[in-house]
Structure formats: C-alpha cells, structure tokens
Protein backbone atom coordinates (compact mmCIF):
# COMPACT_ATOMS: atom_id res chain seq x y z
CA MET A 1 137.13 109.64 93.17
CA LYS A 2 134.81 112.02 93.73
CA GLY A 3 131.14 109.94 93.95
CA LYS A 4 132.30 107.24 91.16
CA GLY A 5 132.71 103.11 91.03
CA LYS A 6 136.80 103.40 92.26
CA GLU A 7 138.21 99.98 90.98
CA SER A 8 141.02 98.21 91.94
CA GLN A 9 143.47 95.36 91.51
CA GLY A 10 142.09 92.39 92.68
CA SER A 11 143.44 88.67 93.41
CA PHE A 12 143.44 86.25 90.57
CA LEU A 13 142.22 82.75 89.78
CA PRO A 14 143.78 81.12 87.19
CA ALA A 15 140.79 78.97 84.54
CA GLU A 16 143.62 76.01 84.54
CA ARG A 17 145.18 75.34 87.75
CA THR A 18 146.87 72.66 86.13
CA ALA A 19 148.71 74.89 82.94
CA THR A 20 151.67 76.99 84.09
CA ILE A 21 150.60 80.64 83.24
CA SER A 22 153.30 83.21 82.64
CA SER A 23 151.16 86.37 83.51
CA LEU A 24 147.63 87.04 85.09
CA ALA A 25 145.21 88.94 83.58
CA ARG A 26 144.82 91.83 84.04
CA PRO A 27 142.26 95.30 83.22
CA ARG A 28 143.57 98.17 81.30
CA TYR A 29 142.91 100.83 83.32
CA ARG A 30 143.15 103.79 81.56
CA GLN A 31 141.28 102.64 78.98
CA ASN A 32 137.88 101.68 81.09
CA ARG A 33 134.95 103.99 82.36
CA GLU A 34 134.73 103.28 85.83
CA PRO A 35 131.10 101.70 86.53
CA TYR A 36 128.28 104.38 86.33
CA TYR A 37 127.42 105.43 90.39
CA PRO A 38 123.74 106.16 90.53
CA VAL A 39 122.15 108.84 91.44
CA LEU A 40 120.24 107.31 94.31
CA ALA A 41 122.46 105.64 95.21
CA ARG A 42 124.39 109.13 96.03
CA GLU A 43 121.55 110.32 97.45
CA GLN A 44 121.26 107.95 100.24
CA GLY A 45 124.53 108.05 100.83
CA TRP A 46 124.59 104.25 99.61
CA GLN A 47 127.98 103.06 99.74
CA GLY A 48 129.96 99.80 99.37
CA THR A 49 132.72 97.45 97.96
CA ALA A 50 131.21 94.49 95.33
CA LEU A 51 133.47 91.06 94.70
CA LEU A 52 132.84 90.52 90.90
CA LYS A 53 134.09 86.89 89.11
CA VAL A 54 135.57 87.75 85.83
CA GLN A 55 135.71 85.44 82.80
CA VAL A 56 138.78 86.91 81.36
CA LEU A 57 139.03 85.96 77.62
CA LYS A 58 142.15 85.35 74.94
CA ASN A 59 141.08 88.59 73.35
CA GLY A 60 140.95 90.30 76.32
CA ALA A 61 137.16 90.94 75.88
CA VAL A 62 134.93 89.89 79.39
CA GLY A 63 133.39 86.50 79.26
CA SER A 64 131.26 85.91 82.17
CA LEU A 65 130.43 87.74 84.91
CA GLU A 66 129.32 87.46 88.90
CA VAL A 67 129.10 88.78 91.72
CA LEU A 68 130.58 86.43 94.30
CA ARG A 69 130.27 89.07 97.56
CA SER A 70 127.38 92.13 97.26
CA SER A 71 127.97 95.81 98.27
CA GLY A 72 125.34 95.75 99.99
CA PHE A 73 122.57 97.03 97.54
CA SER A 74 121.26 96.22 94.28
CA ILE A 75 121.59 98.79 92.76
CA LEU A 76 126.06 98.83 93.62
CA ASP A 77 126.22 95.53 92.17
CA GLN A 78 124.26 95.49 89.44
CA SER A 79 126.17 99.13 88.07
CA ALA A 80 129.63 96.66 88.59
CA LEU A 81 127.90 94.34 86.73
CA LYS A 82 126.67 96.42 83.71
CA GLY A 83 130.53 98.55 84.02
CA VAL A 84 132.81 96.07 84.08
CA LYS A 85 131.21 93.68 81.16
CA GLU A 86 132.74 96.61 78.29
CA TRP A 87 135.72 96.44 79.88
CA LYS A 88 139.35 95.67 78.10
CA PHE A 89 141.56 93.60 80.11
CA ILE A 90 145.22 92.48 79.10
CA PRO A 91 144.71 88.93 78.89
CA ALA A 92 146.78 86.23 80.79
CA GLN A 93 150.43 84.12 79.21
CA LYS A 94 150.76 80.64 78.99
CA ASP A 95 153.25 79.95 77.18
CA GLY A 96 153.43 83.23 75.68
CA GLN A 97 150.37 82.58 74.14
CA PRO A 98 146.84 84.29 75.13
CA ALA A 99 144.72 81.93 77.52
CA GLU A 100 141.57 82.48 79.38
CA MET A 101 141.55 82.93 82.79
CA PHE A 102 139.01 83.92 85.71
CA VAL A 103 139.88 87.51 88.40
CA GLN A 104 138.07 88.85 91.35
CA LEU A 105 137.49 92.20 90.87
CA PRO A 106 136.25 94.38 93.81
CA VAL A 107 134.39 97.36 93.05
CA THR A 108 134.13 99.96 94.99
CA PHE A 109 131.59 102.72 94.93
CA MET A 110 132.05 105.26 97.46
CA LEU A 111 131.52 108.88 98.70
CA GLU A 112 133.83 111.81 99.32
C-alpha cells in the first residue's frame, strides 16, 4: 500500500491459557482504517514495523494496548497505537461465546 500503514495478521495469545478457545480474535480488516503514516516520517523515509499487544474485549473493541517491539521510530509507534485503538475485531470464541483475549499485531509502515 502506498505510503500508508499496512497491517498483517499477527500471532495470537489467549488471555486465559487454561481455557479452551475455539476461535481466535482477528481484526475486521475491511472495516478498520489503516494507521496514519505521518508526513514527517514519509519525508524522512522512515519505515518499520511496530509489534503491538492488543487486548480484544468480548464486544470486539480494543481494551489495553502497548508496543511490544518498536518500529525504531517513536512517531510510527504512536501512530500505530492511535490507529489500532479505534479498530474493531471479531472476538475470540470460548464454548460458543465471545471471549476476551490478547493478540500480537504487527503494523508495518512501508514507503513504495
């Protein structure tokens, strides 16, 4: 994607390791906006991938959110956090019911 944040499906960490999770939380990619690629970062040619830890609530909204691994640029990390905070997810399922869980989500900023 030209000059925009590019998301890719990440690895998933269940919130409850003892629970049987029948399906994992995943982003609603077609409904979520890509994080904003800051103009300064584009002008400077800054690229990178921020790895985020996202708490996905039972209703699919984002709870807590943190950077597990920096993109190498604070401005990109902050843009990833701000963008993903507004995302909606398809929540995990436990015994046929929505379940809270944590997911790891890479957000890549790449210039083309």
